[in-house]
């Protein structure tokens, strides 16, 4: 895969490291093995970006999931500009920092 640099809707650059994708995300969250593009889209075109309750430096990027009843959440450490993890969730949580405009 190689490291991937993505830009979020607020102009922030985020790196998804190859070693994070293979060494952490796929090892612990194998259910998203076929959904790398959804993980990347969750950063570049999220539904919402929310503040993490657990870490003030982190944001939760919620994107479309592989099924109607799920979303991808990508945890990004903004102070380091890197993806920490990604997995599937049923609902978003945390205070909203940014939301996709509705037309």
PDB file of N, CA and C in Angstrom:
ATOM      1  N   UNK A   1       0.827  -1.190   0.000  1.00  0.00           N
ATOM      2  CA  UNK A   1       0.000   0.000   0.000  1.00  0.00           C
ATOM      3  C   UNK A   1       0.869   1.250   0.000  1.00  0.00           C
ATOM      4  N   UNK A   2       1.838   1.330   0.877  1.00  0.00           N
ATOM      5  CA  UNK A   2       2.628   2.560   1.030  1.00  0.00           C
ATOM      6  C   UNK A   2       1.877   3.577   1.860  1.00  0.00           C
ATOM      7  N   UNK A   3       2.617   4.497   2.460  1.00  0.00           N
ATOM      8  CA  UNK A   3       1.982   5.551   3.261  1.00  0.00           C
ATOM      9  C   UNK A   3       1.102   6.417   2.364  1.00  0.00           C
ATOM     10  N   UNK A   4      -0.053   6.837   2.906  1.00  0.00           N
ATOM     11  CA  UNK A   4      -0.997   7.651   2.163  1.00  0.00           C
ATOM     12  C   UNK A   4      -1.208   8.970   2.880  1.00  0.00           C
ATOM     13  N   UNK A   5      -1.050  10.084   2.162  1.00  0.00           N
ATOM     14  CA  UNK A   5      -1.294  11.402   2.735  1.00  0.00           C
ATOM     15  C   UNK A   5      -2.659  11.875   2.260  1.00  0.00           C
ATOM     16  N   UNK A   6      -3.506  12.231   3.209  1.00  0.00           N
ATOM     17  CA  UNK A   6      -4.870  12.669   2.931  1.00  0.00           C
ATOM     18  C   UNK A   6      -5.087  14.060   3.499  1.00  0.00           C
ATOM     19  N   UNK A   7      -6.010  14.812   2.892  1.00  0.00           N
ATOM     20  CA  UNK A   7      -6.362  16.138   3.398  1.00  0.00           C
ATOM     21  C   UNK A   7      -7.826  16.092   3.828  1.00  0.00           C
ATOM     22  N   UNK A   8      -8.095  16.542   5.067  1.00  0.00           N
ATOM     23  CA  UNK A   8      -9.474  16.556   5.543  1.00  0.00           C
ATOM     24  C   UNK A   8     -10.175  17.842   5.070  1.00  0.00           C
ATOM     25  N   UNK A   9     -11.491  17.962   5.273  1.00  0.00           N
ATOM     26  CA  UNK A   9     -12.213  19.142   4.797  1.00  0.00           C
ATOM     27  C   UNK A   9     -11.793  20.450   5.454  1.00  0.00           C
ATOM     28  N   UNK A  10     -11.061  20.376   6.558  1.00  0.00           N
ATOM     29  CA  UNK A  10     -10.577  21.570   7.242  1.00  0.00           C
ATOM     30  C   UNK A  10      -9.149  21.918   6.822  1.00  0.00           C
ATOM     31  N   UNK A  11      -8.629  21.201   5.829  1.00  0.00           N
ATOM     32  CA  UNK A  11      -7.306  21.489   5.287  1.00  0.00           C
ATOM     33  C   UNK A  11      -6.156  20.819   6.007  1.00  0.00           C
ATOM     34  N   UNK A  12      -6.433  19.970   6.975  1.00  0.00           N
ATOM     35  CA  UNK A  12      -5.373  19.299   7.730  1.00  0.00           C
ATOM     36  C   UNK A  12      -4.872  18.078   6.976  1.00  0.00           C
ATOM     37  N   UNK A  13      -3.552  17.901   6.966  1.00  0.00           N
ATOM     38  CA  UNK A  13      -2.962  16.718   6.347  1.00  0.00           C
ATOM     39  C   UNK A  13      -2.877  15.598   7.367  1.00  0.00           C
ATOM     40  N   UNK A  14      -3.248  14.403   6.928  1.00  0.00           N
ATOM     41  CA  UNK A  14      -3.256  13.215   7.784  1.00  0.00           C
ATOM     42  C   UNK A  14      -2.545  12.094   7.036  1.00  0.00           C
ATOM     43  N   UNK A  15      -1.648  11.402   7.718  1.00  0.00           N
ATOM     44  CA  UNK A  15      -0.925  10.285   7.112  1.00  0.00           C
ATOM     45  C   UNK A  15      -1.475   8.964   7.647  1.00  0.00           C
ATOM     46  N   UNK A  16      -1.844   8.091   6.722  1.00  0.00           N
ATOM     47  CA  UNK A  16      -2.154   6.705   7.062  1.00  0.00           C
ATOM     48  C   UNK A  16      -0.913   5.905   6.712  1.00  0.00           C
ATOM     49  N   UNK A  17      -0.158   5.529   7.741  1.00  0.00           N
ATOM     50  CA  UNK A  17       1.074   4.784   7.537  1.00  0.00           C
ATOM     51  C   UNK A  17       0.769   3.338   7.171  1.00  0.00           C
ATOM     52  N   UNK A  18       1.577   2.811   6.300  1.00  0.00           N
ATOM     53  CA  UNK A  18       1.496   1.415   5.897  1.00  0.00           C
ATOM     54  C   UNK A  18       1.562   0.493   7.115  1.00  0.00           C
ATOM     55  N   UNK A  19       2.476   0.793   8.026  1.00  0.00           N
ATOM     56  CA  UNK A  19       2.627  -0.070   9.205  1.00  0.00           C
ATOM     57  C   UNK A  19       1.418   0.021  10.132  1.00  0.00           C
ATOM     58  N   UNK A  20       0.709   1.136  10.127  1.00  0.00           N
ATOM     59  CA  UNK A  20      -0.511   1.242  10.934  1.00  0.00           C
ATOM     60  C   UNK A  20      -1.619   0.408  10.306  1.00  0.00           C
ATOM     61  N   UNK A  21      -1.759   0.500   8.987  1.00  0.00           N
ATOM     62  CA  UNK A  21      -2.802  -0.270   8.299  1.00  0.00           C
ATOM     63  C   UNK A  21      -2.577  -1.773   8.492  1.00  0.00           C
ATOM     64  N   UNK A  22      -1.373  -2.261   8.192  1.00  0.00           N
ATOM     65  CA  UNK A  22      -1.106  -3.691   8.272  1.00  0.00           C
ATOM     66  C   UNK A  22      -0.786  -4.175   9.678  1.00  0.00           C
ATOM     67  N   UNK A  23      -0.053  -3.374  10.438  1.00  0.00           N
ATOM     68  CA  UNK A  23       0.419  -3.815  11.745  1.00  0.00           C
ATOM     69  C   UNK A  23      -0.552  -3.599  12.891  1.00  0.00           C
ATOM     70  N   UNK A  24      -1.497  -2.694  12.718  1.00  0.00           N
ATOM     71  CA  UNK A  24      -2.459  -2.451  13.799  1.00  0.00           C
ATOM     72  C   UNK A  24      -3.899  -2.663  13.334  1.00  0.00           C
ATOM     73  N   UNK A  25      -4.336  -1.885  12.349  1.00  0.00           N
ATOM     74  CA  UNK A  25      -5.752  -1.897  11.975  1.00  0.00           C
ATOM     75  C   UNK A  25      -6.188  -3.279  11.499  1.00  0.00           C
ATOM     76  N   UNK A  26      -5.492  -3.855  10.548  1.00  0.00           N
ATOM     77  CA  UNK A  26      -5.902  -5.162  10.049  1.00  0.00           C
ATOM     78  C   UNK A  26      -5.702  -6.277  11.067  1.00  0.00           C
ATOM     79  N   UNK A  27      -4.736  -6.114  11.966  1.00  0.00           N
ATOM     80  CA  UNK A  27      -4.517  -7.121  13.009  1.00  0.00           C
ATOM     81  C   UNK A  27      -5.649  -7.127  14.036  1.00  0.00           C
ATOM     82  N   UNK A  28      -6.166  -5.939  14.363  1.00  0.00           N
ATOM     83  CA  UNK A  28      -7.176  -5.825  15.423  1.00  0.00           C
ATOM     84  C   UNK A  28      -8.593  -5.631  14.906  1.00  0.00           C
ATOM     85  N   UNK A  29      -8.731  -5.201  13.662  1.00  0.00           N
ATOM     86  CA  UNK A  29     -10.055  -4.899  13.111  1.00  0.00           C
ATOM     87  C   UNK A  29     -10.166  -5.474  11.699  1.00  0.00           C
ATOM     88  N   UNK A  30     -10.017  -6.775  11.589  1.00  0.00           N
ATOM     89  CA  UNK A  30      -9.981  -7.432  10.283  1.00  0.00           C
ATOM     90  C   UNK A  30     -11.275  -7.269   9.490  1.00  0.00           C
ATOM     91  N   UNK A  31     -12.354  -6.848  10.136  1.00  0.00           N
ATOM     92  CA  UNK A  31     -13.628  -6.658   9.434  1.00  0.00           C
ATOM     93  C   UNK A  31     -13.563  -5.549   8.385  1.00  0.00           C
ATOM     94  N   UNK A  32     -12.535  -4.708   8.448  1.00  0.00           N
ATOM     95  CA  UNK A  32     -12.419  -3.644   7.437  1.00  0.00           C
ATOM     96  C   UNK A  32     -11.314  -3.927   6.413  1.00  0.00           C
ATOM     97  N   UNK A  33     -10.860  -5.152   6.370  1.00  0.00           N
ATOM     98  CA  UNK A  33      -9.784  -5.559   5.452  1.00  0.00           C
ATOM     99  C   UNK A  33     -10.049  -5.118   4.004  1.00  0.00           C
ATOM    100  N   UNK A  34     -11.274  -5.209   3.553  1.00  0.00           N
ATOM    101  CA  UNK A  34     -11.612  -4.885   2.167  1.00  0.00           C
ATOM    102  C   UNK A  34     -12.061  -3.439   1.980  1.00  0.00           C
ATOM    103  N   UNK A  35     -11.900  -2.624   3.018  1.00  0.00           N
ATOM    104  CA  UNK A  35     -12.484  -1.284   2.995  1.00  0.00           C
ATOM    105  C   UNK A  35     -11.476  -0.150   3.180  1.00  0.00           C
ATOM    106  N   UNK A  36     -10.275  -0.325   2.646  1.00  0.00           N
ATOM    107  CA  UNK A  36      -9.263   0.732   2.719  1.00  0.00           C
ATOM    108  C   UNK A  36      -9.794   2.030   2.112  1.00  0.00           C
ATOM    109  N   UNK A  37     -10.470   1.938   0.993  1.00  0.00           N
ATOM    110  CA  UNK A  37     -10.976   3.158   0.351  1.00  0.00           C
ATOM    111  C   UNK A  37     -11.990   3.875   1.232  1.00  0.00           C
ATOM    112  N   UNK A  38     -12.810   3.141   1.983  1.00  0.00           N
ATOM    113  CA  UNK A  38     -13.764   3.772   2.894  1.00  0.00           C
ATOM    114  C   UNK A  38     -13.048   4.463   4.052  1.00  0.00           C
ATOM    115  N   UNK A  39     -11.945   3.881   4.513  1.00  0.00           N
ATOM    116  CA  UNK A  39     -11.143   4.507   5.565  1.00  0.00           C
ATOM    117  C   UNK A  39     -10.567   5.822   5.045  1.00  0.00           C
ATOM    118  N   UNK A  40     -10.022   5.794   3.850  1.00  0.00           N
ATOM    119  CA  UNK A  40      -9.450   7.006   3.259  1.00  0.00           C
ATOM    120  C   UNK A  40     -10.522   8.064   3.021  1.00  0.00           C
ATOM    121  N   UNK A  41     -11.688   7.653   2.543  1.00  0.00           N
ATOM    122  CA  UNK A  41     -12.786   8.593   2.302  1.00  0.00           C
ATOM    123  C   UNK A  41     -13.326   9.185   3.602  1.00  0.00           C
ATOM    124  N   UNK A  42     -13.241   8.424   4.694  1.00  0.00           N
ATOM    125  CA  UNK A  42     -13.702   8.941   5.994  1.00  0.00           C
ATOM    126  C   UNK A  42     -12.883  10.151   6.413  1.00  0.00           C
ATOM    127  N   UNK A  43     -11.647  10.238   5.948  1.00  0.00           N
ATOM    128  CA  UNK A  43     -10.800  11.398   6.252  1.00  0.00           C
ATOM    129  C   UNK A  43     -11.009  12.502   5.221  1.00  0.00           C
ATOM    130  N   UNK A  44     -10.961  12.165   3.955  1.00  0.00           N
ATOM    131  CA  UNK A  44     -11.032  13.190   2.911  1.00  0.00           C
ATOM    132  C   UNK A  44     -12.455  13.694   2.653  1.00  0.00           C
ATOM    133  N   UNK A  45     -13.466  12.880   2.925  1.00  0.00           N
ATOM    134  CA  UNK A  45     -14.857  13.272   2.706  1.00  0.00           C
ATOM    135  C   UNK A  45     -15.744  12.674   3.798  1.00  0.00           C
ATOM    136  N   UNK A  46     -15.515  13.065   5.056  1.00  0.00           N
ATOM    137  CA  UNK A  46     -16.264  12.461   6.168  1.00  0.00           C
ATOM    138  C   UNK A  46     -17.710  12.936   6.220  1.00  0.00           C
ATOM    139  N   UNK A  47     -18.517  12.174   6.926  1.00  0.00           N
ATOM    140  CA  UNK A  47     -19.872  12.623   7.266  1.00  0.00           C
ATOM    141  C   UNK A  47     -19.750  13.672   8.369  1.00  0.00           C
ATOM    142  N   UNK A  48     -18.933  13.325   9.374  1.00  0.00           N
ATOM    143  CA  UNK A  48     -18.685  14.232  10.504  1.00  0.00           C
ATOM    144  C   UNK A  48     -17.275  14.026  11.027  1.00  0.00           C
ATOM    145  N   UNK A  49     -16.755  15.081  11.649  1.00  0.00           N
ATOM    146  CA  UNK A  49     -15.535  14.984  12.445  1.00  0.00           C
ATOM    147  C   UNK A  49     -15.951  15.364  13.854  1.00  0.00           C
ATOM    148  N   UNK A  50     -15.615  14.510  14.814  1.00  0.00           N
ATOM    149  CA  UNK A  50     -16.006  14.756  16.202  1.00  0.00           C
ATOM    150  C   UNK A  50     -14.781  14.771  17.105  1.00  0.00           C
ATOM    151  N   UNK A  51     -14.922  15.472  18.222  1.00  0.00           N
ATOM    152  CA  UNK A  51     -13.868  15.506  19.231  1.00  0.00           C
ATOM    153  C   UNK A  51     -13.845  14.184  19.989  1.00  0.00           C
ATOM    154  N   UNK A  52     -12.666  13.694  20.269  1.00  0.00           N
ATOM    155  CA  UNK A  52     -12.512  12.489  21.078  1.00  0.00           C
ATOM    156  C   UNK A  52     -12.682  12.839  22.544  1.00  0.00           C
ATOM    157  N   UNK A  53     -13.464  12.056  23.240  1.00  0.00           N
ATOM    158  CA  UNK A  53     -13.628  12.222  24.684  1.00  0.00           C
ATOM    159  C   UNK A  53     -12.374  11.731  25.412  1.00  0.00           C
ATOM    160  N   UNK A  54     -11.705  10.748  24.833  1.00  0.00           N
ATOM    161  CA  UNK A  54     -10.561  10.114  25.479  1.00  0.00           C
ATOM    162  C   UNK A  54      -9.256  10.900  25.342  1.00  0.00           C
ATOM    163  N   UNK A  55      -9.109  11.707  24.253  1.00  0.00           N
ATOM    164  CA  UNK A  55      -7.842  12.381  24.006  1.00  0.00           C
ATOM    165  C   UNK A  55      -8.101  13.690  23.269  1.00  0.00           C
ATOM    166  N   UNK A  56      -7.769  14.802  23.875  1.00  0.00           N
ATOM    167  CA  UNK A  56      -8.026  16.127  23.281  1.00  0.00           C
ATOM    168  C   UNK A  56      -7.272  16.343  21.977  1.00  0.00           C
ATOM    169  N   UNK A  57      -6.175  15.618  21.750  1.00  0.00           N
ATOM    170  CA  UNK A  57      -5.411  15.747  20.511  1.00  0.00           C
ATOM    171  C   UNK A  57      -6.022  14.946  19.358  1.00  0.00           C
ATOM    172  N   UNK A  58      -6.995  14.091  19.662  1.00  0.00           N
ATOM    173  CA  UNK A  58      -7.555  13.202  18.647  1.00  0.00           C
ATOM    174  C   UNK A  58      -8.929  13.656  18.173  1.00  0.00           C
ATOM    175  N   UNK A  59      -9.200  13.319  16.910  1.00  0.00           N
ATOM    176  CA  UNK A  59     -10.515  13.528  16.312  1.00  0.00           C
ATOM    177  C   UNK A  59     -11.003  12.200  15.757  1.00  0.00           C
ATOM    178  N   UNK A  60     -12.311  12.065  15.741  1.00  0.00           N
ATOM    179  CA  UNK A  60     -12.957  10.875  15.206  1.00  0.00           C
ATOM    180  C   UNK A  60     -13.597  11.263  13.879  1.00  0.00           C
ATOM    181  N   UNK A  61     -13.163  10.627  12.822  1.00  0.00           N
ATOM    182  CA  UNK A  61     -13.682  10.885  11.479  1.00  0.00           C
ATOM    183  C   UNK A  61     -14.677   9.781  11.152  1.00  0.00           C
ATOM    184  N   UNK A  62     -15.933  10.153  10.995  1.00  0.00           N
ATOM    185  CA  UNK A  62     -16.973   9.183  10.699  1.00  0.00           C
ATOM    186  C   UNK A  62     -17.296   9.229   9.213  1.00  0.00           C
ATOM    187  N   UNK A  63     -17.244   8.060   8.582  1.00  0.00           N
ATOM    188  CA  UNK A  63     -17.526   7.967   7.154  1.00  0.00           C
ATOM    189  C   UNK A  63     -18.516   6.867   6.855  1.00  0.00           C
ATOM    190  N   UNK A  64     -18.920   6.815   5.605  1.00  0.00           N
ATOM    191  CA  UNK A  64     -19.847   5.777   5.160  1.00  0.00           C
ATOM    192  C   UNK A  64     -19.217   4.410   5.377  1.00  0.00           C
ATOM    193  N   UNK A  65     -20.039   3.488   5.850  1.00  0.00           N
ATOM    194  CA  UNK A  65     -19.572   2.132   6.077  1.00  0.00           C
ATOM    195  C   UNK A  65     -19.937   1.208   4.930  1.00  0.00           C
ATOM    196  N   UNK A  66     -19.551  -0.050   5.054  1.00  0.00           N
ATOM    197  CA  UNK A  66     -19.821  -1.012   3.980  1.00  0.00           C
ATOM    198  C   UNK A  66     -21.282  -1.468   3.931  1.00  0.00           C
ATOM    199  N   UNK A  67     -22.048  -1.186   4.984  1.00  0.00           N
ATOM    200  CA  UNK A  67     -23.468  -1.549   5.050  1.00  0.00           C
ATOM    201  C   UNK A  67     -24.259  -0.355   5.551  1.00  0.00           C
ATOM    202  N   UNK A  68     -25.541  -0.382   5.325  1.00  0.00           N
ATOM    203  CA  UNK A  68     -26.410   0.728   5.722  1.00  0.00           C
ATOM    204  C   UNK A  68     -26.391   0.993   7.231  1.00  0.00           C
ATOM    205  N   UNK A  69     -26.202  -0.053   8.036  1.00  0.00           N
ATOM    206  CA  UNK A  69     -26.286   0.086   9.491  1.00  0.00           C
ATOM    207  C   UNK A  69     -24.942   0.336  10.165  1.00  0.00           C
ATOM    208  N   UNK A  70     -23.899   0.596   9.389  1.00  0.00           N
ATOM    209  CA  UNK A  70     -22.575   0.810   9.986  1.00  0.00           C
ATOM    210  C   UNK A  70     -21.882   2.024   9.381  1.00  0.00           C
ATOM    211  N   UNK A  71     -20.947   2.559  10.149  1.00  0.00           N
ATOM    212  CA  UNK A  71     -20.066   3.627   9.690  1.00  0.00           C
ATOM    213  C   UNK A  71     -18.634   3.202   9.981  1.00  0.00           C
ATOM    214  N   UNK A  72     -17.718   3.780   9.231  1.00  0.00           N
ATOM    215  CA  UNK A  72     -16.287   3.653   9.529  1.00  0.00           C
ATOM    216  C   UNK A  72     -15.938   4.813  10.446  1.00  0.00           C
ATOM    217  N   UNK A  73     -15.192   4.557  11.511  1.00  0.00           N
ATOM    218  CA  UNK A  73     -14.630   5.642  12.306  1.00  0.00           C
ATOM    219  C   UNK A  73     -13.111   5.506  12.240  1.00  0.00           C
ATOM    220  N   UNK A  74     -12.461   6.625  11.957  1.00  0.00           N
ATOM    221  CA  UNK A  74     -11.004   6.672  11.893  1.00  0.00           C
ATOM    222  C   UNK A  74     -10.545   7.632  12.988  1.00  0.00           C
ATOM    223  N   UNK A  75      -9.678   7.146  13.858  1.00  0.00           N
ATOM    224  CA  UNK A  75      -9.145   7.961  14.951  1.00  0.00           C
ATOM    225  C   UNK A  75      -7.830   8.572  14.472  1.00  0.00           C
ATOM    226  N   UNK A  76      -7.781   9.907  14.499  1.00  0.00           N
ATOM    227  CA  UNK A  76      -6.601  10.637  14.025  1.00  0.00           C
ATOM    228  C   UNK A  76      -6.021  11.457  15.167  1.00  0.00           C
ATOM    229  N   UNK A  77      -4.722  11.331  15.386  1.00  0.00           N
ATOM    230  CA  UNK A  77      -4.002  12.166  16.342  1.00  0.00           C
ATOM    231  C   UNK A  77      -3.545  13.410  15.580  1.00  0.00           C
ATOM    232  N   UNK A  78      -4.214  14.539  15.797  1.00  0.00           N
ATOM    233  CA  UNK A  78      -3.911  15.760  15.053  1.00  0.00           C
ATOM    234  C   UNK A  78      -2.557  16.346  15.408  1.00  0.00           C
ATOM    235  N   UNK A  79      -2.099  16.158  16.646  1.00  0.00           N
ATOM    236  CA  UNK A  79      -0.801  16.712  17.041  1.00  0.00           C
ATOM    237  C   UNK A  79       0.334  16.040  16.275  1.00  0.00           C
ATOM    238  N   UNK A  80       0.134  14.801  15.870  1.00  0.00           N
ATOM    239  CA  UNK A  80       1.142  14.060  15.111  1.00  0.00           C
ATOM    240  C   UNK A  80       0.763  13.928  13.637  1.00  0.00           C
ATOM    241  N   UNK A  81      -0.496  14.217  13.307  1.00  0.00           N
ATOM    242  CA  UNK A  81      -0.962  14.146  11.934  1.00  0.00           C
ATOM    243  C   UNK A  81      -1.052  12.736  11.385  1.00  0.00           C
ATOM    244  N   UNK A  82      -1.393  11.779  12.274  1.00  0.00           N
ATOM    245  CA  UNK A  82      -1.412  10.379  11.843  1.00  0.00           C
ATOM    246  C   UNK A  82      -2.700   9.668  12.246  1.00  0.00           C
ATOM    247  N   UNK A  83      -3.046   8.664  11.443  1.00  0.00           N
ATOM    248  CA  UNK A  83      -4.136   7.761  11.783  1.00  0.00           C
ATOM    249  C   UNK A  83      -3.649   6.826  12.881  1.00  0.00           C
ATOM    250  N   UNK A  84      -4.466   6.693  13.919  1.00  0.00           N
ATOM    251  CA  UNK A  84      -4.141   5.785  15.019  1.00  0.00           C
ATOM    252  C   UNK A  84      -4.802   4.414  14.823  1.00  0.00           C
ATOM    253  N   UNK A  85      -6.087   4.422  14.430  1.00  0.00           N
ATOM    254  CA  UNK A  85      -6.830   3.188  14.220  1.00  0.00           C
ATOM    255  C   UNK A  85      -8.081   3.487  13.410  1.00  0.00           C
ATOM    256  N   UNK A  86      -8.771   2.438  13.029  1.00  0.00           N
ATOM    257  CA  UNK A  86     -10.039   2.557  12.322  1.00  0.00           C
ATOM    258  C   UNK A  86     -10.835   1.284  12.560  1.00  0.00           C
ATOM    259  N   UNK A  87     -12.144   1.431  12.654  1.00  0.00           N
ATOM    260  CA  UNK A  87     -13.008   0.268  12.836  1.00  0.00           C
ATOM    261  C   UNK A  87     -14.441   0.642  12.490  1.00  0.00           C
ATOM    262  N   UNK A  88     -15.344  -0.326  12.570  1.00  0.00           N
ATOM    263  CA  UNK A  88     -16.757  -0.104  12.275  1.00  0.00           C
ATOM    264  C   UNK A  88     -17.514   0.234  13.548  1.00  0.00           C
ATOM    265  N   UNK A  89     -18.514   1.102  13.418  1.00  0.00           N
ATOM    266  CA  UNK A  89     -19.384   1.461  14.539  1.00  0.00           C
ATOM    267  C   UNK A  89     -20.820   1.574  14.033  1.00  0.00           C
ATOM    268  N   UNK A  90     -21.755   1.523  14.970  1.00  0.00           N
ATOM    269  CA  UNK A  90     -23.176   1.675  14.642  1.00  0.00           C
ATOM    270  C   UNK A  90     -23.630   3.127  14.721  1.00  0.00           C
ATOM    271  N   UNK A  91     -22.984   3.924  15.593  1.00  0.00           N
ATOM    272  CA  UNK A  91     -23.421   5.312  15.789  1.00  0.00           C
ATOM    273  C   UNK A  91     -22.219   6.196  16.119  1.00  0.00           C
ATOM    274  N   UNK A  92     -22.325   7.465  15.738  1.00  0.00           N
ATOM    275  CA  UNK A  92     -21.278   8.438  16.049  1.00  0.00           C
ATOM    276  C   UNK A  92     -21.430   8.908  17.490  1.00  0.00           C
ATOM    277  N   UNK A  93     -20.305   9.291  18.102  1.00  0.00           N
ATOM    278  CA  UNK A  93     -20.340   9.858  19.448  1.00  0.00           C
ATOM    279  C   UNK A  93     -19.312  10.963  19.549  1.00  0.00           C
ATOM    280  N   UNK A  94     -19.481  11.824  20.545  1.00  0.00           N
ATOM    281  CA  UNK A  94     -18.587  12.953  20.744  1.00  0.00           C
ATOM    282  C   UNK A  94     -19.183  14.225  20.183  1.00  0.00           C
ATOM    283  N   UNK A  95     -18.685  15.359  20.639  1.00  0.00           N
ATOM    284  CA  UNK A  95     -19.165  16.661  20.166  1.00  0.00           C
ATOM    285  C   UNK A  95     -18.671  16.898  18.738  1.00  0.00           C
ATOM    286  N   UNK A  96     -19.522  17.468  17.919  1.00  0.00           N
ATOM    287  CA  UNK A  96     -19.209  17.680  16.507  1.00  0.00           C
ATOM    288  C   UNK A  96     -18.257  18.868  16.329  1.00  0.00           C
ATOM    289  N   UNK A  97     -17.166  18.631  15.603  1.00  0.00           N
ATOM    290  CA  UNK A  97     -16.257  19.705  15.193  1.00  0.00           C
ATOM    291  C   UNK A  97     -16.633  20.204  13.796  1.00  0.00           C
ATOM    292  N   UNK A  98     -17.019  19.285  12.915  1.00  0.00           N
ATOM    293  CA  UNK A  98     -17.356  19.617  11.534  1.00  0.00           C
ATOM    294  C   UNK A  98     -18.372  18.607  11.031  1.00  0.00           C
ATOM    295  N   UNK A  99     -19.292  19.050  10.191  1.00  0.00           N
ATOM    296  CA  UNK A  99     -20.299  18.176   9.621  1.00  0.00           C
ATOM    297  C   UNK A  99     -20.430  18.452   8.134  1.00  0.00           C
ATOM    298  N   UNK A 100     -20.606  17.408   7.337  1.00  0.00           N
ATOM    299  CA  UNK A 100     -20.761  17.539   5.881  1.00  0.00           C
ATOM    300  C   UNK A 100     -22.004  18.382   5.583  1.00  0.00           C
ATOM    301  N   UNK A 101     -21.864  19.392   4.764  1.00  0.00           N
ATOM    302  CA  UNK A 101     -23.032  20.207   4.413  1.00  0.00           C
ATOM    303  C   UNK A 101     -24.091  19.379   3.698  1.00  0.00           C
ATOM    304  N   UNK A 102     -25.337  19.655   4.001  1.00  0.00           N
ATOM    305  CA  UNK A 102     -26.445  18.994   3.299  1.00  0.00           C
ATOM    306  C   UNK A 102     -26.999  19.960   2.269  1.00  0.00           C
ATOM    307  N   UNK A 103     -27.364  19.438   1.146  1.00  0.00           N
ATOM    308  CA  UNK A 103     -27.856  20.310   0.056  1.00  0.00           C
ATOM    309  C   UNK A 103     -29.338  20.216  -0.073  1.00  0.00           C
TER     310      UNK A 103
END
